[in-house]
Amino acid sequence: MTQRDDGMLQMLTGLLVTSHMMSFEQLPSRVAEQAPAAGFDDVRIYLGDLQRDALRPLTGEGPDAAQKTDRAQAEVPVEGTVAGRAYQYGCIMGAADSQDGIHAWWVPLLDGTERLGVLRIASTRDDDGVHQDMLTLASLVAMMVVSSRVTSDSYARLTRIKAMNVAAEMQWTLMPPRTYADDRVVISAALEPAYEVGGDAYDYAIAGDTIHFSVFDAMGHDTSAGLTANLAVAACRNHRRQGTPLDQLGDRIEQVLLEQFGSSRYVTGILADLDTTTGILTWINCGHHPPIVIRGGRWSTLLKCPPSHPMGTDLHLPTTLCWEQLEPGDRLVLYTDGITEARVGGQEFGLAHFIDFLVRHHSDGLPVPETLRRLIRALLQHHNQQLQDDATILVCEWLGPQTETNAVAPVAGVPLPSDTR
């Protein structure tokens, strides 16, 4: 075993042992204690805020540590910074030249493909294995962040820039991570206004070769709308996990809503299943906007399906199960009307603008999560940072049937090479 291997083993073993009895606030000090064994003299953890606009330092100095004023530990904007580039593209970024023999890098902090933030690593090391060693450290730190954040109010305070309403608190707790990827699909979602969610929600889940997607838009823009959307998601999961067929799932959700609210609350939605072995997409439309498929990064189509009634209205309209054959590389897009109907001075963001934005950024080869981050920024800018309705989007890129090639390929535009530009 080389000296480098011995140092890495010592660092990783030390972090794994200490992680079993560690709070979220203790993470920075534990990393600082163990990282020097691998030749990393200064490691700092920065986590993305809720809207993915800034990288905020995790200092471990209490629940309000994000307010620390030390310039060296100040938050870093995602736009226009080296750290932000590492975060956006999933690449190691660093200065081309060292200073006083010390090299500094920004390393993406990923849980699978969920972008958590970045590490800033300073070291005198510049050997052939340093980049892989930094990625290994970042992977372990990411797992430690994920395992400790679920019980931490400090994590919530660190990643929030302003106060959140009760409906948003419910929705973010309920919904799955905004990004997921394996060798078959990449899924990414976004929801705004992030701190004042009303009645929008998204969900996805994997069962064998099938992936379920759903997007919901509840009537209203208040806490009651949030309760309606939460109940719809919970009912969908409950009946789906009992084996309810897709064409009956909307009726089961409606029954739950009617039992709780009568016919005073309703929710529109798309419920869909994707067979990842064949690329066959099946879905039902419950009074919602039709899905979009982007193919080849060049053109798009709306998937037409006779809509049933919104869930909770008890109108007894028939449910039609529709299907579409996807091709490898297709991106399926589900969305709510807050995306396309955002207005400023009577001008909507619009479906055509929305599709054009997605197609252009698909052609640029951006990772799906980064495309959505930029879309939300464009939407907020169009609407002067004040949305009048919830805006939710869920994108799934089908990579094709599971193959040996898929298993070793980079995940949908999230490479991990170094880049010192």
Protein backbone atom coordinates (compact mmCIF):
# COMPACT_ATOMS: atom_id res chain seq x y z
CA MET A 1 0.00 0.00 0.00
CA THR A 2 1.37 3.41 -0.96
CA GLN A 3 1.58 6.35 1.42
CA ARG A 4 -1.27 8.00 -0.47
CA ASP A 5 -3.47 4.90 -0.15
CA ASP A 6 -2.67 4.64 3.55
CA GLY A 7 -3.61 8.28 4.11
CA MET A 8 -6.89 7.93 2.22
CA LEU A 9 -7.79 4.78 4.13
CA GLN A 10 -7.07 6.50 7.44
CA MET A 11 -9.22 9.51 6.49
CA LEU A 12 -12.17 7.50 5.19
CA THR A 13 -12.10 5.06 8.10
CA GLY A 14 -11.98 7.91 10.58
CA LEU A 15 -14.94 9.67 8.98
CA LEU A 16 -17.02 6.49 8.76
CA VAL A 17 -16.41 5.62 12.41
CA THR A 18 -17.24 9.10 13.65
CA SER A 19 -20.32 9.43 11.42
CA HIS A 20 -22.31 6.93 13.49
CA MET A 21 -22.53 9.32 16.44
CA MET A 22 -22.52 12.74 14.81
CA SER A 23 -24.94 15.65 14.52
CA PHE A 24 -25.23 17.84 11.44
CA GLU A 25 -23.43 20.69 13.23
CA GLN A 26 -20.45 18.47 13.99
CA LEU A 27 -19.78 17.60 10.35
CA PRO A 28 -17.31 20.45 9.57
CA SER A 29 -15.13 19.73 12.61
CA ARG A 30 -15.09 15.98 11.94
CA VAL A 31 -14.00 16.53 8.34
CA ALA A 32 -11.35 19.02 9.46
CA GLU A 33 -9.98 16.45 11.91
CA GLN A 34 -9.69 13.59 9.41
CA ALA A 35 -8.91 15.27 6.06
CA PRO A 36 -5.22 16.09 6.80
CA ALA A 37 -4.43 12.35 6.85
CA ALA A 38 -5.01 12.38 3.06
CA GLY A 39 -3.07 15.60 2.56
CA PHE A 40 -6.09 17.91 2.50
CA ASP A 41 -5.16 20.71 4.87
CA ASP A 42 -8.26 22.90 4.59
CA VAL A 43 -11.70 21.51 3.67
CA ARG A 44 -14.78 23.72 3.81
CA ILE A 45 -18.36 22.67 3.12
CA TYR A 46 -20.79 24.88 1.19
CA LEU A 47 -24.42 23.86 0.68
CA GLY A 48 -26.84 25.19 -1.92
CA ASP A 49 -29.77 27.27 -0.73
CA LEU A 50 -33.34 26.19 -1.43
CA GLN A 51 -33.54 28.07 -4.72
CA ARG A 52 -30.02 27.06 -5.82
CA ASP A 53 -28.82 30.64 -6.19
CA ALA A 54 -26.11 30.68 -3.49
CA LEU A 55 -23.64 28.34 -1.80
CA ARG A 56 -23.75 28.86 1.96
CA PRO A 57 -20.94 27.83 4.32
CA LEU A 58 -21.60 25.10 6.86
CA THR A 59 -19.55 26.29 9.83
CA GLY A 60 -21.10 24.11 12.53
CA GLU A 61 -21.41 27.12 14.81
CA GLY A 62 -25.07 26.87 15.75
CA PRO A 63 -28.39 27.15 13.90
CA ASP A 64 -27.71 30.66 12.59
CA ALA A 65 -24.16 30.00 11.42
CA ALA A 66 -25.12 31.13 7.91
CA GLN A 67 -25.07 34.70 9.23
CA LYS A 68 -21.36 34.49 9.96
CA THR A 69 -19.63 37.61 8.57
CA ASP A 70 -16.09 36.27 8.21
CA ARG A 71 -15.25 37.06 4.59
CA ALA A 72 -13.43 33.75 4.12
CA GLN A 73 -16.64 31.94 5.07
CA ALA A 74 -19.14 34.18 3.26
CA GLU A 75 -21.74 32.64 0.97
CA VAL A 76 -20.80 32.36 -2.70
CA PRO A 77 -23.17 33.15 -5.61
CA VAL A 78 -23.80 30.31 -8.05
CA GLU A 79 -23.75 32.69 -11.01
CA GLY A 80 -20.41 34.08 -12.11
CA THR A 81 -18.11 32.22 -9.69
CA VAL A 82 -15.68 29.33 -9.96
CA ALA A 83 -17.50 27.58 -7.12
CA GLY A 84 -20.79 28.09 -8.93
CA ARG A 85 -19.39 26.57 -12.11
CA ALA A 86 -18.33 23.46 -10.19
CA TYR A 87 -21.86 23.28 -8.78
CA GLN A 88 -23.62 23.88 -12.12
CA TYR A 89 -21.66 21.39 -14.21
CA GLY A 90 -20.57 18.79 -11.66
CA CYS A 91 -16.88 19.30 -12.45
CA ILE A 92 -13.84 19.93 -10.27
CA MET A 93 -12.79 23.52 -10.73
CA GLY A 94 -9.63 25.18 -9.49
CA ALA A 95 -6.96 27.75 -10.07
CA ALA A 96 -4.55 26.91 -12.87
CA ASP A 97 -1.56 27.99 -10.74
CA SER A 98 -0.85 27.32 -7.10
CA GLN A 99 -0.19 30.06 -4.57
CA ASP A 100 2.78 29.50 -2.23
CA GLY A 101 2.67 25.82 -3.17
CA ILE A 102 -0.97 25.47 -2.06
CA HIS A 103 -3.54 24.36 -4.62
CA ALA A 104 -7.24 25.18 -4.15
CA TRP A 105 -10.13 23.36 -5.78
CA TRP A 106 -13.91 23.48 -5.74
CA VAL A 107 -15.35 19.97 -5.79
CA PRO A 108 -19.04 19.14 -6.48
CA LEU A 109 -20.91 17.68 -3.52
CA LEU A 110 -23.40 15.16 -4.91
CA ASP A 111 -25.80 12.63 -3.42
CA GLY A 112 -26.17 10.44 -6.49
CA THR A 113 -26.98 13.30 -8.86
CA GLU A 114 -28.72 15.55 -6.33
CA ARG A 115 -26.61 18.69 -6.12
CA LEU A 116 -26.01 19.44 -2.45
CA GLY A 117 -23.24 22.01 -2.77
CA VAL A 118 -19.44 22.05 -3.10
CA LEU A 119 -16.31 21.42 -1.09
CA ARG A 120 -13.46 23.91 -1.09
CA ILE A 121 -10.27 21.89 -0.68
CA ALA A 122 -6.82 23.43 -0.22
CA SER A 123 -3.73 21.21 -0.29
CA THR A 124 -0.09 21.01 -1.28
CA ARG A 125 -0.92 17.79 -3.12
CA ASP A 126 -0.89 17.85 -6.90
CA ASP A 127 -0.30 14.21 -7.77
CA ASP A 128 -2.09 12.10 -10.36
CA GLY A 129 -4.60 10.73 -7.87
CA VAL A 130 -5.58 13.95 -6.11
CA HIS A 131 -8.74 14.57 -8.17
CA GLN A 132 -10.12 11.08 -7.60
CA ASP A 133 -9.28 11.34 -3.88
CA MET A 134 -11.16 14.64 -3.65
CA LEU A 135 -14.20 13.12 -5.35
CA THR A 136 -14.07 10.18 -2.95
CA LEU A 137 -14.01 12.55 0.03
CA ALA A 138 -16.86 14.58 -1.46
CA SER A 139 -18.97 11.43 -1.94
CA LEU A 140 -18.56 10.46 1.70
CA VAL A 141 -19.25 13.99 2.95
CA ALA A 142 -22.40 14.08 0.80
CA MET A 143 -23.68 10.86 2.38
CA MET A 144 -22.98 12.30 5.82
CA VAL A 145 -24.89 15.48 4.98
CA VAL A 146 -27.88 13.50 3.73
CA SER A 147 -27.95 11.15 6.74
CA SER A 148 -27.74 13.97 9.29
CA ARG A 149 -29.89 16.69 7.69
CA VAL A 150 -33.22 14.89 8.14
CA THR A 151 -33.16 15.52 11.90
CA SER A 152 -31.58 18.97 11.73
CA ASP A 153 -33.32 22.31 11.96
CA SER A 154 -29.89 23.83 11.43
CA TYR A 155 -29.81 22.41 7.91
CA ALA A 156 -33.19 23.96 7.15
CA ARG A 157 -32.10 27.34 8.50
CA LEU A 158 -28.82 27.22 6.61
CA THR A 159 -30.43 26.50 3.25
CA ARG A 160 -33.27 29.01 3.62
CA ILE A 161 -32.73 32.68 2.87
CA LYS A 162 -36.14 33.83 4.09
CA ALA A 163 -39.13 32.62 6.09
CA MET A 164 -41.25 29.77 4.71
CA ASN A 165 -45.02 29.46 4.99
CA VAL A 166 -46.74 26.43 6.50
CA ALA A 167 -47.94 25.04 3.16
CA ALA A 168 -44.39 25.07 1.78
CA GLU A 169 -43.11 23.41 4.95
CA MET A 170 -45.56 20.57 4.34
CA GLN A 171 -44.78 20.23 0.64
CA TRP A 172 -41.00 20.14 0.89
CA THR A 173 -41.23 17.56 3.68
CA LEU A 174 -43.58 15.39 1.64
CA MET A 175 -41.99 15.43 -1.80
CA PRO A 176 -39.05 13.25 -2.90
CA PRO A 177 -35.61 14.75 -3.68
CA ARG A 178 -35.56 17.12 -6.62
CA THR A 179 -33.07 14.97 -8.51
CA TYR A 180 -32.72 11.23 -9.04
CA ALA A 181 -30.72 9.21 -11.57
CA ASP A 182 -29.78 5.64 -12.34
CA ASP A 183 -28.63 3.92 -15.53
CA ARG A 184 -32.14 4.16 -17.02
CA VAL A 185 -33.48 7.62 -16.20
CA VAL A 186 -32.63 11.06 -14.89
CA ILE A 187 -35.45 12.81 -13.03
CA SER A 188 -35.39 16.41 -11.91
CA ALA A 189 -38.07 18.72 -10.53
CA ALA A 190 -38.48 22.34 -9.51
CA LEU A 191 -41.19 24.20 -7.60
CA GLU A 192 -41.71 27.93 -7.09
CA PRO A 193 -42.38 30.10 -5.18
CA ALA A 194 -40.17 27.91 -3.01
CA TYR A 195 -41.02 29.66 0.26
CA GLU A 196 -44.73 30.24 -0.35
CA VAL A 197 -46.02 27.10 -2.03
CA GLY A 198 -49.79 26.79 -2.25
CA GLY A 199 -51.35 23.78 -3.95
CA ASP A 200 -48.70 22.30 -6.26
CA ALA A 201 -46.85 19.03 -5.65
CA TYR A 202 -44.86 16.45 -7.58
CA ASP A 203 -44.00 12.83 -6.86
CA TYR A 204 -42.03 9.97 -8.39
CA ALA A 205 -41.16 6.46 -7.30
CA ILE A 206 -39.39 3.40 -8.68
CA ALA A 207 -40.73 -0.17 -8.53
CA GLY A 208 -38.63 -2.65 -10.48
CA ASP A 209 -38.65 -1.66 -14.15
CA THR A 210 -41.50 0.84 -13.71
CA ILE A 211 -41.19 4.47 -12.68
CA HIS A 212 -44.27 6.37 -11.55
CA PHE A 213 -44.62 10.13 -11.99
CA SER A 214 -47.32 12.50 -10.85
CA VAL A 215 -47.88 16.23 -10.78
CA PHE A 216 -50.76 17.82 -8.86
CA ASP A 217 -52.28 21.31 -8.87
CA ALA A 218 -54.84 21.89 -6.11
CA MET A 219 -57.50 24.57 -6.17
CA GLY A 220 -56.40 27.76 -4.42
CA HIS A 221 -53.11 29.25 -3.24
CA ASP A 222 -53.31 28.88 0.53
CA THR A 223 -52.71 26.37 3.30
CA SER A 224 -55.97 24.58 2.43
CA ALA A 225 -54.65 24.07 -1.09
CA GLY A 226 -51.46 22.67 0.40
CA LEU A 227 -53.47 20.24 2.53
CA THR A 228 -55.41 19.13 -0.56
CA ALA A 229 -52.23 18.53 -2.54
CA ASN A 230 -50.62 16.67 0.37
CA LEU A 231 -53.66 14.42 0.71
CA ALA A 232 -53.68 13.74 -3.04
CA VAL A 233 -50.01 12.71 -2.99
CA ALA A 234 -50.51 10.50 0.07
CA ALA A 235 -53.59 8.86 -1.43
CA CYS A 236 -51.76 8.28 -4.71
CA ARG A 237 -48.85 6.59 -2.94
CA ASN A 238 -51.10 4.53 -0.69
CA HIS A 239 -53.25 3.06 -3.46
CA ARG A 240 -50.32 2.70 -5.88
CA ARG A 241 -48.48 0.62 -3.27
CA GLN A 242 -51.55 -1.59 -2.90
CA GLY A 243 -51.36 -2.40 -6.60
CA THR A 244 -54.18 -0.18 -7.87
CA PRO A 245 -54.00 -0.03 -11.70
CA LEU A 246 -53.10 3.32 -13.20
CA ASP A 247 -56.50 3.78 -14.89
CA GLN A 248 -58.21 3.45 -11.47
CA LEU A 249 -55.75 5.52 -9.48
CA GLY A 250 -57.43 8.87 -10.14
CA ASP A 251 -60.78 7.52 -8.90
CA ARG A 252 -59.16 6.24 -5.69
CA ILE A 253 -57.55 9.62 -5.04
CA GLU A 254 -60.88 11.31 -5.66
CA GLN A 255 -62.60 9.04 -3.12
CA VAL A 256 -60.14 10.10 -0.44
CA LEU A 257 -60.59 13.80 -1.28
CA LEU A 258 -64.39 13.50 -1.25
CA GLU A 259 -64.34 11.73 2.12
CA GLN A 260 -62.28 14.53 3.61
CA PHE A 261 -63.57 17.67 1.87
CA GLY A 262 -66.80 16.71 0.15
CA SER A 263 -66.82 18.40 -3.26
CA SER A 264 -65.40 21.69 -1.93
CA ARG A 265 -61.76 20.96 -2.86
CA TYR A 266 -60.29 19.48 -6.01
CA VAL A 267 -56.96 18.84 -7.67
CA THR A 268 -55.92 18.40 -11.30
CA GLY A 269 -53.05 16.10 -12.18
CA ILE A 270 -51.15 13.84 -14.53
CA LEU A 271 -50.48 10.27 -13.32
CA ALA A 272 -48.01 8.31 -15.43
CA ASP A 273 -45.95 5.10 -15.52
CA LEU A 274 -42.82 4.52 -17.61
CA ASP A 275 -41.67 1.00 -18.44
CA THR A 276 -37.91 1.51 -18.54
CA THR A 277 -37.28 -1.74 -20.43
CA THR A 278 -39.46 -0.77 -23.41
CA GLY A 279 -39.84 3.01 -23.18
CA ILE A 280 -43.63 2.73 -23.17
CA LEU A 281 -45.22 5.61 -21.27
CA THR A 282 -48.80 5.21 -20.01
CA TRP A 283 -50.73 8.01 -18.36
CA ILE A 284 -54.08 9.48 -17.42
CA ASN A 285 -55.04 13.13 -17.50
CA CYS A 286 -57.25 14.41 -14.67
CA GLY A 287 -58.16 17.85 -15.98
CA HIS A 288 -54.52 18.91 -16.36
CA HIS A 289 -52.19 20.33 -19.01
CA PRO A 290 -50.89 17.58 -21.36
CA PRO A 291 -47.33 16.28 -20.98
CA ILE A 292 -44.59 17.31 -23.42
CA VAL A 293 -41.93 15.13 -25.03
CA ILE A 294 -38.68 16.69 -26.28
CA ARG A 295 -36.90 14.48 -28.80
CA GLY A 296 -33.37 14.77 -30.11
CA GLY A 297 -32.99 18.22 -28.61
CA ARG A 298 -34.66 19.60 -31.74
CA TRP A 299 -38.43 19.24 -31.58
CA SER A 300 -41.24 18.67 -29.12
CA THR A 301 -44.79 17.40 -29.07
CA LEU A 302 -47.77 17.62 -26.73
CA LEU A 303 -49.07 14.19 -25.71
CA LYS A 304 -52.79 14.24 -26.29
CA CYS A 305 -55.15 12.20 -24.14
CA PRO A 306 -58.87 12.73 -23.50
CA PRO A 307 -58.98 14.31 -20.03
CA SER A 308 -61.09 13.07 -17.18
CA HIS A 309 -62.44 15.46 -14.54
CA PRO A 310 -60.30 17.03 -11.80
CA MET A 311 -60.04 14.75 -8.77
CA GLY A 312 -62.56 15.80 -6.12
CA THR A 313 -65.22 17.21 -8.43
CA ASP A 314 -67.21 13.93 -8.54
CA LEU A 315 -68.27 14.46 -12.17
CA HIS A 316 -68.08 10.76 -13.13
CA LEU A 317 -66.33 11.36 -16.45
CA PRO A 318 -64.62 8.30 -17.95
CA THR A 319 -60.88 7.79 -17.49
CA THR A 320 -58.84 7.10 -20.63
CA LEU A 321 -55.51 5.31 -20.35
CA CYS A 322 -53.16 6.64 -23.02
CA TRP A 323 -49.73 5.50 -24.11
CA GLU A 324 -46.69 6.74 -26.04
CA GLN A 325 -43.54 5.00 -27.26
CA LEU A 326 -40.50 6.97 -26.10
CA GLU A 327 -37.08 6.84 -27.74
CA PRO A 328 -33.77 6.77 -25.84
CA GLY A 329 -32.80 10.33 -24.94
CA ASP A 330 -36.38 11.63 -24.89
CA ARG A 331 -37.26 14.07 -22.13
CA LEU A 332 -40.77 13.83 -20.68
CA VAL A 333 -42.02 17.12 -19.18
CA LEU A 334 -44.89 17.46 -16.69
CA TYR A 335 -45.82 20.94 -15.47
CA THR A 336 -48.49 23.11 -13.86
CA ASP A 337 -50.12 26.25 -15.25
CA GLY A 338 -47.93 28.55 -13.14
CA ILE A 339 -45.10 27.77 -15.57
CA THR A 340 -46.87 28.80 -18.75
CA GLU A 341 -49.38 31.36 -17.47
CA ALA A 342 -47.05 33.60 -15.47
CA ARG A 343 -47.85 37.17 -16.51
CA VAL A 344 -46.20 40.57 -16.44
CA GLY A 345 -48.30 43.43 -17.81
CA GLY A 346 -50.63 40.98 -19.53
CA GLN A 347 -47.83 39.01 -21.22
CA GLU A 348 -47.66 35.32 -20.36
CA PHE A 349 -44.41 33.39 -20.16
CA GLY A 350 -46.28 31.13 -22.55
CA LEU A 351 -46.17 27.51 -23.68
CA ALA A 352 -44.14 28.29 -26.81
CA HIS A 353 -41.48 30.20 -24.82
CA PHE A 354 -41.40 27.42 -22.22
CA ILE A 355 -40.85 24.68 -24.82
CA ASP A 356 -38.30 26.74 -26.73
CA PHE A 357 -36.30 27.29 -23.54
CA LEU A 358 -36.23 23.57 -22.79
CA VAL A 359 -35.27 22.61 -26.35
CA ARG A 360 -32.44 25.17 -26.55
CA HIS A 361 -30.91 24.09 -23.25
CA HIS A 362 -31.35 20.42 -24.11
CA SER A 363 -29.32 21.08 -27.26
CA ASP A 364 -26.64 22.78 -25.17
CA GLY A 365 -26.08 19.47 -23.37
CA LEU A 366 -26.78 20.89 -19.91
CA PRO A 367 -27.65 18.48 -17.09
CA VAL A 368 -31.39 18.31 -16.48
CA PRO A 369 -31.15 19.88 -12.96
CA GLU A 370 -29.17 22.83 -14.33
CA THR A 371 -31.67 23.35 -17.15
CA LEU A 372 -34.48 23.57 -14.59
CA ARG A 373 -32.50 25.93 -12.36
CA ARG A 374 -32.04 28.28 -15.31
CA LEU A 375 -35.67 27.92 -16.36
CA ILE A 376 -36.89 28.95 -12.91
CA ARG A 377 -34.54 31.96 -12.92
CA ALA A 378 -35.91 33.00 -16.33
CA LEU A 379 -39.49 32.54 -15.13
CA LEU A 380 -38.92 34.64 -12.01
CA GLN A 381 -37.19 37.36 -14.01
CA HIS A 382 -40.11 37.42 -16.45
CA HIS A 383 -42.48 37.83 -13.51
CA ASN A 384 -40.40 40.42 -11.60
CA GLN A 385 -39.61 37.80 -8.92
CA GLN A 386 -43.29 37.64 -7.87
CA LEU A 387 -45.26 34.61 -9.07
CA GLN A 388 -49.03 34.81 -8.71
CA ASP A 389 -49.43 31.03 -8.88
CA ASP A 390 -47.36 27.97 -8.06
CA ALA A 391 -45.08 26.84 -10.87
CA THR A 392 -43.98 23.20 -10.88
CA ILE A 393 -42.08 21.20 -13.47
CA LEU A 394 -40.88 17.60 -13.49
CA VAL A 395 -38.59 16.31 -16.24
CA CYS A 396 -37.63 12.68 -16.85
CA GLU A 397 -34.97 11.77 -19.39
CA TRP A 398 -35.18 8.14 -20.47
CA LEU A 399 -31.68 6.92 -21.29
CA GLY A 400 -32.88 3.73 -22.92
CA PRO A 401 -33.09 0.08 -21.89
CA GLN A 402 -30.60 -0.93 -19.20
CA THR A 403 -27.38 -2.02 -20.86
CA GLU A 404 -23.77 -2.53 -19.93
CA THR A 405 -22.97 0.70 -21.80
CA ASN A 406 -25.53 2.64 -19.76
CA ALA A 407 -24.09 1.28 -16.55
CA VAL A 408 -20.67 2.80 -17.10
CA ALA A 409 -21.63 6.00 -18.93
CA PRO A 410 -21.75 9.42 -17.24
CA VAL A 411 -25.23 10.18 -15.91
CA ALA A 412 -27.09 12.47 -18.29
CA GLY A 413 -24.71 15.32 -18.55
CA VAL A 414 -23.36 15.19 -15.00
CA PRO A 415 -19.69 14.36 -15.64
CA LEU A 416 -17.07 14.45 -12.98
CA PRO A 417 -13.80 15.36 -14.70
CA SER A 418 -11.52 18.12 -13.51
CA ASP A 419 -11.60 21.52 -15.17
CA THR A 420 -9.06 24.18 -14.34
CA ARG A 421 -10.27 26.83 -16.72
